[in-house]
Amino acid sequence: MAKNLDVILLFDIYGEMLTQKQQDFISYYYNDDLSLAEIAENEGITRQGVRDAIKRAEAQLIDFEKHLGLMERFKNINSGLDEIRELVSLIDEVNKNSLLSREINDATARISALTQMLR
């Protein structure tokens, strides 16, 4: 079974909405990197039972995202913050090379600090 890396982020966002057993199986599989057979042995169920439980949990996480869109918002915010940081660097460089404005320097430093805080 191929691992869907988006499930890790979805689990971080929506994991509390799953049952405890689903949380455990997803955590074992994705966070602890246990195989289906290892989880099955530890839990006293079949490998197929573990696979089915993980697939159902993944489907629920994807459904939560489809309805709520929090992961997409998170990615968009991070992308926007990256762009802001690039623009701040550009403004800072222009300021250092020509304007030498203390106000611009202070403003770019503050914007950089805010983007770091928001990450």
PDB file of N, CA and C in Angstrom:
ATOM      1  N   MET A   1       0.862  -1.182   0.000  1.00  0.00           N
ATOM      2  CA  MET A   1       0.000   0.000   0.000  1.00  0.00           C
ATOM      3  C   MET A   1       0.900   1.235   0.000  1.00  0.00           C
ATOM      4  N   ALA A   2       0.782   2.066  -1.019  1.00  0.00           N
ATOM      5  CA  ALA A   2       1.599   3.279  -1.125  1.00  0.00           C
ATOM      6  C   ALA A   2       1.100   4.328  -0.139  1.00  0.00           C
ATOM      7  N   LYS A   3       2.045   5.016   0.468  1.00  0.00           N
ATOM      8  CA  LYS A   3       1.681   6.029   1.454  1.00  0.00           C
ATOM      9  C   LYS A   3       1.429   7.364   0.773  1.00  0.00           C
ATOM     10  N   ASN A   4       0.334   7.987   1.143  1.00  0.00           N
ATOM     11  CA  ASN A   4      -0.049   9.302   0.654  1.00  0.00           C
ATOM     12  C   ASN A   4       0.470  10.324   1.662  1.00  0.00           C
ATOM     13  N   LEU A   5       1.489  11.082   1.275  1.00  0.00           N
ATOM     14  CA  LEU A   5       2.131  11.995   2.223  1.00  0.00           C
ATOM     15  C   LEU A   5       1.218  13.139   2.665  1.00  0.00           C
ATOM     16  N   ASP A   6       0.214  13.495   1.854  1.00  0.00           N
ATOM     17  CA  ASP A   6      -0.741  14.515   2.287  1.00  0.00           C
ATOM     18  C   ASP A   6      -1.529  14.051   3.506  1.00  0.00           C
ATOM     19  N   VAL A   7      -1.644  12.734   3.677  1.00  0.00           N
ATOM     20  CA  VAL A   7      -2.392  12.198   4.816  1.00  0.00           C
ATOM     21  C   VAL A   7      -1.750  12.648   6.132  1.00  0.00           C
ATOM     22  N   ILE A   8      -0.443  12.780   6.162  1.00  0.00           N
ATOM     23  CA  ILE A   8       0.239  13.217   7.384  1.00  0.00           C
ATOM     24  C   ILE A   8      -0.241  14.601   7.790  1.00  0.00           C
ATOM     25  N   LEU A   9      -0.286  15.531   6.825  1.00  0.00           N
ATOM     26  CA  LEU A   9      -0.764  16.880   7.121  1.00  0.00           C
ATOM     27  C   LEU A   9      -2.252  16.869   7.446  1.00  0.00           C
ATOM     28  N   LEU A  10      -3.020  16.102   6.685  1.00  0.00           N
ATOM     29  CA  LEU A  10      -4.454  15.997   6.981  1.00  0.00           C
ATOM     30  C   LEU A  10      -4.682  15.442   8.382  1.00  0.00           C
ATOM     31  N   PHE A  11      -3.873  14.461   8.762  1.00  0.00           N
ATOM     32  CA  PHE A  11      -3.990  13.876  10.101  1.00  0.00           C
ATOM     33  C   PHE A  11      -3.664  14.908  11.176  1.00  0.00           C
ATOM     34  N   ASP A  12      -2.651  15.739  10.930  1.00  0.00           N
ATOM     35  CA  ASP A  12      -2.314  16.799  11.885  1.00  0.00           C
ATOM     36  C   ASP A  12      -3.476  17.776  12.056  1.00  0.00           C
ATOM     37  N   ILE A  13      -4.161  18.050  10.978  1.00  0.00           N
ATOM     38  CA  ILE A  13      -5.257  19.021  11.006  1.00  0.00           C
ATOM     39  C   ILE A  13      -6.551  18.406  11.555  1.00  0.00           C
ATOM     40  N   TYR A  14      -6.916  17.227  11.049  1.00  0.00           N
ATOM     41  CA  TYR A  14      -8.232  16.650  11.329  1.00  0.00           C
ATOM     42  C   TYR A  14      -8.200  15.385  12.187  1.00  0.00           C
ATOM     43  N   GLY A  15      -7.038  14.973  12.635  1.00  0.00           N
ATOM     44  CA  GLY A  15      -6.908  13.696  13.336  1.00  0.00           C
ATOM     45  C   GLY A  15      -7.850  13.512  14.505  1.00  0.00           C
ATOM     46  N   GLU A  16      -8.118  14.573  15.225  1.00  0.00           N
ATOM     47  CA  GLU A  16      -8.997  14.473  16.399  1.00  0.00           C
ATOM     48  C   GLU A  16     -10.435  14.135  16.026  1.00  0.00           C
ATOM     49  N   MET A  17     -10.755  14.262  14.751  1.00  0.00           N
ATOM     50  CA  MET A  17     -12.113  13.959  14.310  1.00  0.00           C
ATOM     51  C   MET A  17     -12.298  12.467  14.000  1.00  0.00           C
ATOM     52  N   LEU A  18     -11.223  11.723  14.007  1.00  0.00           N
ATOM     53  CA  LEU A  18     -11.275  10.278  13.780  1.00  0.00           C
ATOM     54  C   LEU A  18     -11.512   9.553  15.099  1.00  0.00           C
ATOM     55  N   THR A  19     -11.915   8.291  15.014  1.00  0.00           N
ATOM     56  CA  THR A  19     -12.033   7.490  16.228  1.00  0.00           C
ATOM     57  C   THR A  19     -10.628   7.248  16.791  1.00  0.00           C
ATOM     58  N   GLN A  20     -10.555   6.862  18.037  1.00  0.00           N
ATOM     59  CA  GLN A  20      -9.250   6.607  18.657  1.00  0.00           C
ATOM     60  C   GLN A  20      -8.507   5.489  17.932  1.00  0.00           C
ATOM     61  N   LYS A  21      -9.219   4.453  17.529  1.00  0.00           N
ATOM     62  CA  LYS A  21      -8.594   3.336  16.820  1.00  0.00           C
ATOM     63  C   LYS A  21      -8.038   3.807  15.477  1.00  0.00           C
ATOM     64  N   GLN A  22      -8.803   4.612  14.758  1.00  0.00           N
ATOM     65  CA  GLN A  22      -8.326   5.148  13.489  1.00  0.00           C
ATOM     66  C   GLN A  22      -7.088   6.027  13.699  1.00  0.00           C
ATOM     67  N   GLN A  23      -7.126   6.845  14.737  1.00  0.00           N
ATOM     68  CA  GLN A  23      -5.962   7.682  15.059  1.00  0.00           C
ATOM     69  C   GLN A  23      -4.737   6.820  15.319  1.00  0.00           C
ATOM     70  N   ASP A  24      -4.938   5.764  16.102  1.00  0.00           N
ATOM     71  CA  ASP A  24      -3.820   4.870  16.412  1.00  0.00           C
ATOM     72  C   ASP A  24      -3.252   4.237  15.156  1.00  0.00           C
ATOM     73  N   PHE A  25      -4.112   3.709  14.294  1.00  0.00           N
ATOM     74  CA  PHE A  25      -3.644   3.030  13.079  1.00  0.00           C
ATOM     75  C   PHE A  25      -2.917   3.989  12.145  1.00  0.00           C
ATOM     76  N   ILE A  26      -3.473   5.168  11.949  1.00  0.00           N
ATOM     77  CA  ILE A  26      -2.811   6.170  11.088  1.00  0.00           C
ATOM     78  C   ILE A  26      -1.465   6.563  11.687  1.00  0.00           C
ATOM     79  N   SER A  27      -1.436   6.764  12.987  1.00  0.00           N
ATOM     80  CA  SER A  27      -0.188   7.142  13.655  1.00  0.00           C
ATOM     81  C   SER A  27       0.860   6.038  13.546  1.00  0.00           C
ATOM     82  N   TYR A  28       0.447   4.811  13.792  1.00  0.00           N
ATOM     83  CA  TYR A  28       1.384   3.687  13.667  1.00  0.00           C
ATOM     84  C   TYR A  28       1.943   3.605  12.245  1.00  0.00           C
ATOM     85  N   TYR A  29       1.065   3.734  11.281  1.00  0.00           N
ATOM     86  CA  TYR A  29       1.452   3.539   9.884  1.00  0.00           C
ATOM     87  C   TYR A  29       2.290   4.700   9.339  1.00  0.00           C
ATOM     88  N   TYR A  30       1.845   5.931   9.593  1.00  0.00           N
ATOM     89  CA  TYR A  30       2.522   7.093   9.013  1.00  0.00           C
ATOM     90  C   TYR A  30       3.617   7.671   9.921  1.00  0.00           C
ATOM     91  N   ASN A  31       3.343   7.780  11.200  1.00  0.00           N
ATOM     92  CA  ASN A  31       4.315   8.410  12.099  1.00  0.00           C
ATOM     93  C   ASN A  31       5.375   7.429  12.590  1.00  0.00           C
ATOM     94  N   ASP A  32       4.941   6.211  12.956  1.00  0.00           N
ATOM     95  CA  ASP A  32       5.876   5.221  13.485  1.00  0.00           C
ATOM     96  C   ASP A  32       6.452   4.323  12.392  1.00  0.00           C
ATOM     97  N   ASP A  33       5.922   4.444  11.178  1.00  0.00           N
ATOM     98  CA  ASP A  33       6.384   3.687  10.006  1.00  0.00           C
ATOM     99  C   ASP A  33       6.307   2.173  10.207  1.00  0.00           C
ATOM    100  N   LEU A  34       5.256   1.739  10.920  1.00  0.00           N
ATOM    101  CA  LEU A  34       5.040   0.301  11.081  1.00  0.00           C
ATOM    102  C   LEU A  34       4.350  -0.249   9.841  1.00  0.00           C
ATOM    103  N   SER A  35       4.636  -1.483   9.499  1.00  0.00           N
ATOM    104  CA  SER A  35       3.973  -2.129   8.369  1.00  0.00           C
ATOM    105  C   SER A  35       2.568  -2.558   8.787  1.00  0.00           C
ATOM    106  N   LEU A  36       1.757  -2.868   7.796  1.00  0.00           N
ATOM    107  CA  LEU A  36       0.407  -3.368   8.089  1.00  0.00           C
ATOM    108  C   LEU A  36       0.470  -4.636   8.923  1.00  0.00           C
ATOM    109  N   ALA A  37       1.421  -5.525   8.593  1.00  0.00           N
ATOM    110  CA  ALA A  37       1.576  -6.779   9.335  1.00  0.00           C
ATOM    111  C   ALA A  37       1.971  -6.511  10.788  1.00  0.00           C
ATOM    112  N   GLU A  38       2.856  -5.549  11.010  1.00  0.00           N
ATOM    113  CA  GLU A  38       3.278  -5.230  12.386  1.00  0.00           C
ATOM    114  C   GLU A  38       2.118  -4.665  13.197  1.00  0.00           C
ATOM    115  N   ILE A  39       1.341  -3.780  12.581  1.00  0.00           N
ATOM    116  CA  ILE A  39       0.184  -3.212  13.281  1.00  0.00           C
ATOM    117  C   ILE A  39      -0.820  -4.323  13.584  1.00  0.00           C
ATOM    118  N   ALA A  40      -1.060  -5.183  12.602  1.00  0.00           N
ATOM    119  CA  ALA A  40      -2.014  -6.286  12.796  1.00  0.00           C
ATOM    120  C   ALA A  40      -1.582  -7.183  13.942  1.00  0.00           C
ATOM    121  N   GLU A  41      -0.309  -7.507  13.985  1.00  0.00           N
ATOM    122  CA  GLU A  41       0.195  -8.368  15.058  1.00  0.00           C
ATOM    123  C   GLU A  41       0.039  -7.690  16.419  1.00  0.00           C
ATOM    124  N   ASN A  42       0.382  -6.408  16.489  1.00  0.00           N
ATOM    125  CA  ASN A  42       0.283  -5.663  17.756  1.00  0.00           C
ATOM    126  C   ASN A  42      -1.163  -5.508  18.226  1.00  0.00           C
ATOM    127  N   GLU A  43      -2.084  -5.377  17.263  1.00  0.00           N
ATOM    128  CA  GLU A  43      -3.486  -5.130  17.601  1.00  0.00           C
ATOM    129  C   GLU A  43      -4.327  -6.403  17.652  1.00  0.00           C
ATOM    130  N   GLY A  44      -3.760  -7.526  17.225  1.00  0.00           N
ATOM    131  CA  GLY A  44      -4.490  -8.790  17.266  1.00  0.00           C
ATOM    132  C   GLY A  44      -5.594  -8.889  16.229  1.00  0.00           C
ATOM    133  N   ILE A  45      -5.399  -8.246  15.075  1.00  0.00           N
ATOM    134  CA  ILE A  45      -6.366  -8.361  13.986  1.00  0.00           C
ATOM    135  C   ILE A  45      -5.610  -8.730  12.709  1.00  0.00           C
ATOM    136  N   THR A  46      -6.359  -8.903  11.628  1.00  0.00           N
ATOM    137  CA  THR A  46      -5.715  -9.288  10.371  1.00  0.00           C
ATOM    138  C   THR A  46      -5.069  -8.077   9.696  1.00  0.00           C
ATOM    139  N   ARG A  47      -4.130  -8.382   8.821  1.00  0.00           N
ATOM    140  CA  ARG A  47      -3.472  -7.342   8.032  1.00  0.00           C
ATOM    141  C   ARG A  47      -4.511  -6.614   7.177  1.00  0.00           C
ATOM    142  N   GLN A  48      -5.450  -7.389   6.613  1.00  0.00           N
ATOM    143  CA  GLN A  48      -6.509  -6.806   5.795  1.00  0.00           C
ATOM    144  C   GLN A  48      -7.394  -5.872   6.624  1.00  0.00           C
ATOM    145  N   GLY A  49      -7.644  -6.249   7.871  1.00  0.00           N
ATOM    146  CA  GLY A  49      -8.432  -5.393   8.763  1.00  0.00           C
ATOM    147  C   GLY A  49      -7.747  -4.063   9.011  1.00  0.00           C
ATOM    148  N   VAL A  50      -6.436  -4.112   9.200  1.00  0.00           N
ATOM    149  CA  VAL A  50      -5.670  -2.880   9.399  1.00  0.00           C
ATOM    150  C   VAL A  50      -5.720  -2.032   8.133  1.00  0.00           C
ATOM    151  N   ARG A  51      -5.493  -2.676   6.991  1.00  0.00           N
ATOM    152  CA  ARG A  51      -5.505  -1.951   5.710  1.00  0.00           C
ATOM    153  C   ARG A  51      -6.846  -1.254   5.498  1.00  0.00           C
ATOM    154  N   ASP A  52      -7.932  -1.982   5.727  1.00  0.00           N
ATOM    155  CA  ASP A  52      -9.269  -1.418   5.546  1.00  0.00           C
ATOM    156  C   ASP A  52      -9.503  -0.233   6.488  1.00  0.00           C
ATOM    157  N   ALA A  53      -9.076  -0.384   7.737  1.00  0.00           N
ATOM    158  CA  ALA A  53      -9.256   0.700   8.717  1.00  0.00           C
ATOM    159  C   ALA A  53      -8.469   1.942   8.310  1.00  0.00           C
ATOM    160  N   ILE A  54      -7.251   1.745   7.833  1.00  0.00           N
ATOM    161  CA  ILE A  54      -6.429   2.880   7.406  1.00  0.00           C
ATOM    162  C   ILE A  54      -7.039   3.536   6.170  1.00  0.00           C
ATOM    163  N   LYS A  55      -7.496   2.730   5.217  1.00  0.00           N
ATOM    164  CA  LYS A  55      -8.127   3.281   4.007  1.00  0.00           C
ATOM    165  C   LYS A  55      -9.384   4.081   4.352  1.00  0.00           C
ATOM    166  N   ARG A  56     -10.191   3.581   5.280  1.00  0.00           N
ATOM    167  CA  ARG A  56     -11.395   4.308   5.700  1.00  0.00           C
ATOM    168  C   ARG A  56     -11.016   5.621   6.377  1.00  0.00           C
ATOM    169  N   ALA A  57     -10.002   5.580   7.230  1.00  0.00           N
ATOM    170  CA  ALA A  57      -9.559   6.795   7.919  1.00  0.00           C
ATOM    171  C   ALA A  57      -9.012   7.813   6.920  1.00  0.00           C
ATOM    172  N   GLU A  58      -8.220   7.342   5.949  1.00  0.00           N
ATOM    173  CA  GLU A  58      -7.698   8.244   4.916  1.00  0.00           C
ATOM    174  C   GLU A  58      -8.840   8.885   4.133  1.00  0.00           C
ATOM    175  N   ALA A  59      -9.844   8.078   3.794  1.00  0.00           N
ATOM    176  CA  ALA A  59     -10.994   8.596   3.050  1.00  0.00           C
ATOM    177  C   ALA A  59     -11.732   9.652   3.871  1.00  0.00           C
ATOM    178  N   GLN A  60     -11.856   9.426   5.165  1.00  0.00           N
ATOM    179  CA  GLN A  60     -12.512  10.413   6.025  1.00  0.00           C
ATOM    180  C   GLN A  60     -11.697  11.704   6.090  1.00  0.00           C
ATOM    181  N   LEU A  61     -10.383  11.587   6.217  1.00  0.00           N
ATOM    182  CA  LEU A  61      -9.534  12.777   6.257  1.00  0.00           C
ATOM    183  C   LEU A  61      -9.665  13.581   4.966  1.00  0.00           C
ATOM    184  N   ILE A  62      -9.683  12.891   3.846  1.00  0.00           N
ATOM    185  CA  ILE A  62      -9.831  13.552   2.546  1.00  0.00           C
ATOM    186  C   ILE A  62     -11.208  14.211   2.441  1.00  0.00           C
ATOM    187  N   ASP A  63     -12.229  13.543   2.959  1.00  0.00           N
ATOM    188  CA  ASP A  63     -13.579  14.110   2.953  1.00  0.00           C
ATOM    189  C   ASP A  63     -13.665  15.359   3.836  1.00  0.00           C
ATOM    190  N   PHE A  64     -13.027  15.314   5.009  1.00  0.00           N
ATOM    191  CA  PHE A  64     -12.990  16.501   5.876  1.00  0.00           C
ATOM    192  C   PHE A  64     -12.367  17.670   5.129  1.00  0.00           C
ATOM    193  N   GLU A  65     -11.260  17.390   4.430  1.00  0.00           N
ATOM    194  CA  GLU A  65     -10.574  18.452   3.686  1.00  0.00           C
ATOM    195  C   GLU A  65     -11.458  18.983   2.563  1.00  0.00           C
ATOM    196  N   LYS A  66     -12.157  18.082   1.885  1.00  0.00           N
ATOM    197  CA  LYS A  66     -13.029  18.510   0.789  1.00  0.00           C
ATOM    198  C   LYS A  66     -14.093  19.489   1.296  1.00  0.00           C
ATOM    199  N   HIS A  67     -14.609  19.225   2.485  1.00  0.00           N
ATOM    200  CA  HIS A  67     -15.669  20.064   3.023  1.00  0.00           C
ATOM    201  C   HIS A  67     -15.152  21.314   3.750  1.00  0.00           C
ATOM    202  N   LEU A  68     -14.021  21.201   4.419  1.00  0.00           N
ATOM    203  CA  LEU A  68     -13.538  22.302   5.244  1.00  0.00           C
ATOM    204  C   LEU A  68     -12.384  23.083   4.613  1.00  0.00           C
ATOM    205  N   GLY A  69     -11.541  22.425   3.843  1.00  0.00           N
ATOM    206  CA  GLY A  69     -10.469  23.099   3.108  1.00  0.00           C
ATOM    207  C   GLY A  69      -9.347  23.699   3.938  1.00  0.00           C
ATOM    208  N   LEU A  70      -9.125  23.194   5.136  1.00  0.00           N
ATOM    209  CA  LEU A  70      -8.102  23.794   5.999  1.00  0.00           C
ATOM    210  C   LEU A  70      -6.682  23.566   5.501  1.00  0.00           C
ATOM    211  N   MET A  71      -6.403  22.396   4.930  1.00  0.00           N
ATOM    212  CA  MET A  71      -5.059  22.138   4.422  1.00  0.00           C
ATOM    213  C   MET A  71      -4.762  23.057   3.238  1.00  0.00           C
ATOM    214  N   GLU A  72      -5.727  23.234   2.364  1.00  0.00           N
ATOM    215  CA  GLU A  72      -5.543  24.121   1.216  1.00  0.00           C
ATOM    216  C   GLU A  72      -5.292  25.553   1.689  1.00  0.00           C
ATOM    217  N   ARG A  73      -6.041  25.991   2.685  1.00  0.00           N
ATOM    218  CA  ARG A  73      -5.821  27.331   3.239  1.00  0.00           C
ATOM    219  C   ARG A  73      -4.426  27.441   3.846  1.00  0.00           C
ATOM    220  N   PHE A  74      -4.016  26.416   4.558  1.00  0.00           N
ATOM    221  CA  PHE A  74      -2.682  26.387   5.164  1.00  0.00           C
ATOM    222  C   PHE A  74      -1.604  26.518   4.090  1.00  0.00           C
ATOM    223  N   LYS A  75      -1.742  25.746   3.015  1.00  0.00           N
ATOM    224  CA  LYS A  75      -0.769  25.808   1.921  1.00  0.00           C
ATOM    225  C   LYS A  75      -0.772  27.176   1.257  1.00  0.00           C
ATOM    226  N   ASN A  76      -1.960  27.760   1.056  1.00  0.00           N
ATOM    227  CA  ASN A  76      -2.042  29.089   0.454  1.00  0.00           C
ATOM    228  C   ASN A  76      -1.414  30.156   1.341  1.00  0.00           C
ATOM    229  N   ILE A  77      -1.639  30.058   2.624  1.00  0.00           N
ATOM    230  CA  ILE A  77      -1.039  31.017   3.556  1.00  0.00           C
ATOM    231  C   ILE A  77       0.480  30.902   3.512  1.00  0.00           C
ATOM    232  N   ASN A  78       0.993  29.686   3.544  1.00  0.00           N
ATOM    233  CA  ASN A  78       2.442  29.505   3.497  1.00  0.00           C
ATOM    234  C   ASN A  78       3.033  30.020   2.187  1.00  0.00           C
ATOM    235  N   SER A  79       2.342  29.781   1.094  1.00  0.00           N
ATOM    236  CA  SER A  79       2.793  30.279  -0.199  1.00  0.00           C
ATOM    237  C   SER A  79       2.809  31.812  -0.203  1.00  0.00           C
ATOM    238  N   GLY A  80       1.764  32.413   0.327  1.00  0.00           N
ATOM    239  CA  GLY A  80       1.703  33.875   0.431  1.00  0.00           C
ATOM    240  C   GLY A  80       2.804  34.432   1.313  1.00  0.00           C
ATOM    241  N   LEU A  81       3.068  33.755   2.416  1.00  0.00           N
ATOM    242  CA  LEU A  81       4.146  34.204   3.307  1.00  0.00           C
ATOM    243  C   LEU A  81       5.504  34.119   2.614  1.00  0.00           C
ATOM    244  N   ASP A  82       5.715  33.072   1.828  1.00  0.00           N
ATOM    245  CA  ASP A  82       6.964  32.955   1.068  1.00  0.00           C
ATOM    246  C   ASP A  82       7.114  34.107   0.082  1.00  0.00           C
ATOM    247  N   GLU A  83       6.025  34.437  -0.604  1.00  0.00           N
ATOM    248  CA  GLU A  83       6.072  35.543  -1.560  1.00  0.00           C
ATOM    249  C   GLU A  83       6.326  36.871  -0.858  1.00  0.00           C
ATOM    250  N   ILE A  84       5.693  37.071   0.287  1.00  0.00           N
ATOM    251  CA  ILE A  84       5.923  38.299   1.061  1.00  0.00           C
ATOM    252  C   ILE A  84       7.392  38.402   1.459  1.00  0.00           C
ATOM    253  N   ARG A  85       7.966  37.283   1.907  1.00  0.00           N
ATOM    254  CA  ARG A  85       9.381  37.306   2.305  1.00  0.00           C
ATOM    255  C   ARG A  85      10.290  37.643   1.124  1.00  0.00           C
ATOM    256  N   GLU A  86       9.979  37.120  -0.065  1.00  0.00           N
ATOM    257  CA  GLU A  86      10.763  37.441  -1.258  1.00  0.00           C
ATOM    258  C   GLU A  86      10.663  38.920  -1.596  1.00  0.00           C
ATOM    259  N   LEU A  87       9.457  39.474  -1.522  1.00  0.00           N
ATOM    260  CA  LEU A  87       9.261  40.888  -1.812  1.00  0.00           C
ATOM    261  C   LEU A  87       9.948  41.769  -0.783  1.00  0.00           C
ATOM    262  N   VAL A  88       9.915  41.374   0.468  1.00  0.00           N
ATOM    263  CA  VAL A  88      10.609  42.126   1.519  1.00  0.00           C
ATOM    264  C   VAL A  88      12.109  42.149   1.240  1.00  0.00           C
ATOM    265  N   SER A  89      12.639  41.020   0.817  1.00  0.00           N
ATOM    266  CA  SER A  89      14.070  40.965   0.489  1.00  0.00           C
ATOM    267  C   SER A  89      14.403  41.907  -0.655  1.00  0.00           C
ATOM    268  N   LEU A  90      13.547  41.943  -1.657  1.00  0.00           N
ATOM    269  CA  LEU A  90      13.741  42.842  -2.790  1.00  0.00           C
ATOM    270  C   LEU A  90      13.693  44.308  -2.352  1.00  0.00           C
ATOM    271  N   ILE A  91      12.678  44.655  -1.581  1.00  0.00           N
ATOM    272  CA  ILE A  91      12.561  46.022  -1.069  1.00  0.00           C
ATOM    273  C   ILE A  91      13.768  46.387  -0.222  1.00  0.00           C
ATOM    274  N   ASP A  92      14.182  45.474   0.631  1.00  0.00           N
ATOM    275  CA  ASP A  92      15.336  45.703   1.500  1.00  0.00           C
ATOM    276  C   ASP A  92      16.603  45.927   0.671  1.00  0.00           C
ATOM    277  N   GLU A  93      16.772  45.139  -0.379  1.00  0.00           N
ATOM    278  CA  GLU A  93      17.952  45.270  -1.249  1.00  0.00           C
ATOM    279  C   GLU A  93      17.957  46.615  -1.965  1.00  0.00           C
ATOM    280  N   VAL A  94      16.804  47.021  -2.508  1.00  0.00           N
ATOM    281  CA  VAL A  94      16.702  48.321  -3.181  1.00  0.00           C
ATOM    282  C   VAL A  94      16.982  49.443  -2.187  1.00  0.00           C
ATOM    283  N   ASN A  95      16.457  49.303  -1.001  1.00  0.00           N
ATOM    284  CA  ASN A  95      16.687  50.325   0.019  1.00  0.00           C
ATOM    285  C   ASN A  95      18.164  50.446   0.371  1.00  0.00           C
ATOM    286  N   LYS A  96      18.831  49.328   0.533  1.00  0.00           N
ATOM    287  CA  LYS A  96      20.257  49.346   0.885  1.00  0.00           C
ATOM    288  C   LYS A  96      21.113  49.922  -0.236  1.00  0.00           C
ATOM    289  N   ASN A  97      20.699  49.684  -1.499  1.00  0.00           N
ATOM    290  CA  ASN A  97      21.502  50.122  -2.636  1.00  0.00           C
ATOM    291  C   ASN A  97      21.235  51.553  -3.088  1.00  0.00           C
ATOM    292  N   SER A  98      20.100  52.128  -2.681  1.00  0.00           N
ATOM    293  CA  SER A  98      19.824  53.469  -3.196  1.00  0.00           C
ATOM    294  C   SER A  98      19.186  54.432  -2.196  1.00  0.00           C
ATOM    295  N   LEU A  99      18.175  54.020  -1.508  1.00  0.00           N
ATOM    296  CA  LEU A  99      17.420  54.956  -0.675  1.00  0.00           C
ATOM    297  C   LEU A  99      18.019  55.173   0.711  1.00  0.00           C
ATOM    298  N   LEU A 100      18.455  54.127   1.313  1.00  0.00           N
ATOM    299  CA  LEU A 100      18.979  54.147   2.680  1.00  0.00           C
ATOM    300  C   LEU A 100      18.003  54.765   3.683  1.00  0.00           C
ATOM    301  N   SER A 101      16.734  54.383   3.557  1.00  0.00           N
ATOM    302  CA  SER A 101      15.701  54.880   4.453  1.00  0.00           C
ATOM    303  C   SER A 101      15.629  54.008   5.702  1.00  0.00           C
ATOM    304  N   ARG A 102      15.757  54.646   6.842  1.00  0.00           N
ATOM    305  CA  ARG A 102      15.644  53.918   8.102  1.00  0.00           C
ATOM    306  C   ARG A 102      14.226  53.377   8.295  1.00  0.00           C
ATOM    307  N   GLU A 103      13.222  54.146   7.866  1.00  0.00           N
ATOM    308  CA  GLU A 103      11.831  53.735   8.004  1.00  0.00           C
ATOM    309  C   GLU A 103      11.552  52.475   7.181  1.00  0.00           C
ATOM    310  N   ILE A 104      12.069  52.437   5.953  1.00  0.00           N
ATOM    311  CA  ILE A 104      11.885  51.257   5.113  1.00  0.00           C
ATOM    312  C   ILE A 104      12.611  50.071   5.727  1.00  0.00           C
ATOM    313  N   ASN A 105      13.805  50.302   6.221  1.00  0.00           N
ATOM    314  CA  ASN A 105      14.561  49.230   6.870  1.00  0.00           C
ATOM    315  C   ASN A 105      13.807  48.680   8.075  1.00  0.00           C
ATOM    316  N   ASP A 106      13.273  49.563   8.905  1.00  0.00           N
ATOM    317  CA  ASP A 106      12.512  49.134  10.078  1.00  0.00           C
ATOM    318  C   ASP A 106      11.235  48.384   9.668  1.00  0.00           C
ATOM    319  N   ALA A 107      10.563  48.883   8.618  1.00  0.00           N
ATOM    320  CA  ALA A 107       9.331  48.250   8.159  1.00  0.00           C
ATOM    321  C   ALA A 107       9.608  46.852   7.596  1.00  0.00           C
ATOM    322  N   THR A 108      10.670  46.709   6.813  1.00  0.00           N
ATOM    323  CA  THR A 108      10.977  45.385   6.255  1.00  0.00           C
ATOM    324  C   THR A 108      11.390  44.413   7.355  1.00  0.00           C
ATOM    325  N   ALA A 109      12.089  44.901   8.356  1.00  0.00           N
ATOM    326  CA  ALA A 109      12.464  44.040   9.480  1.00  0.00           C
ATOM    327  C   ALA A 109      11.216  43.576  10.231  1.00  0.00           C
ATOM    328  N   ARG A 110      10.266  44.492  10.410  1.00  0.00           N
ATOM    329  CA  ARG A 110       9.016  44.147  11.114  1.00  0.00           C
ATOM    330  C   ARG A 110       8.191  43.150  10.293  1.00  0.00           C
ATOM    331  N   ILE A 111       8.098  43.371   8.994  1.00  0.00           N
ATOM    332  CA  ILE A 111       7.355  42.445   8.126  1.00  0.00           C
ATOM    333  C   ILE A 111       8.001  41.066   8.155  1.00  0.00           C
ATOM    334  N   SER A 112       9.326  41.018   8.092  1.00  0.00           N
ATOM    335  CA  SER A 112      10.025  39.729   8.166  1.00  0.00           C
ATOM    336  C   SER A 112       9.740  39.007   9.477  1.00  0.00           C
ATOM    337  N   ALA A 113       9.754  39.757  10.569  1.00  0.00           N
ATOM    338  CA  ALA A 113       9.475  39.160  11.874  1.00  0.00           C
ATOM    339  C   ALA A 113       8.037  38.630  11.932  1.00  0.00           C
ATOM    340  N   LEU A 114       7.104  39.369  11.366  1.00  0.00           N
ATOM    341  CA  LEU A 114       5.698  38.925  11.359  1.00  0.00           C
ATOM    342  C   LEU A 114       5.517  37.660  10.523  1.00  0.00           C
ATOM    343  N   THR A 115       6.174  37.596   9.366  1.00  0.00           N
ATOM    344  CA  THR A 115       6.032  36.390   8.553  1.00  0.00           C
ATOM    345  C   THR A 115       6.618  35.169   9.259  1.00  0.00           C
ATOM    346  N   GLN A 116       7.712  35.360   9.977  1.00  0.00           N
ATOM    347  CA  GLN A 116       8.287  34.257  10.756  1.00  0.00           C
ATOM    348  C   GLN A 116       7.328  33.811  11.852  1.00  0.00           C
ATOM    349  N   MET A 117       6.718  34.768  12.522  1.00  0.00           N
ATOM    350  CA  MET A 117       5.786  34.455  13.600  1.00  0.00           C
ATOM    351  C   MET A 117       4.557  33.697  13.074  1.00  0.00           C
ATOM    352  N   LEU A 118       4.093  34.055  11.878  1.00  0.00           N
ATOM    353  CA  LEU A 118       2.902  33.436  11.304  1.00  0.00           C
ATOM    354  C   LEU A 118       3.161  32.035  10.764  1.00  0.00           C
ATOM    355  N   ARG A 119       4.398  31.671  10.576  1.00  0.00           N
ATOM    356  CA  ARG A 119       4.718  30.320  10.104  1.00  0.00           C
ATOM    357  C   ARG A 119       4.488  29.408  11.239  1.00  0.00           C
TER     358      ARG A 119
END
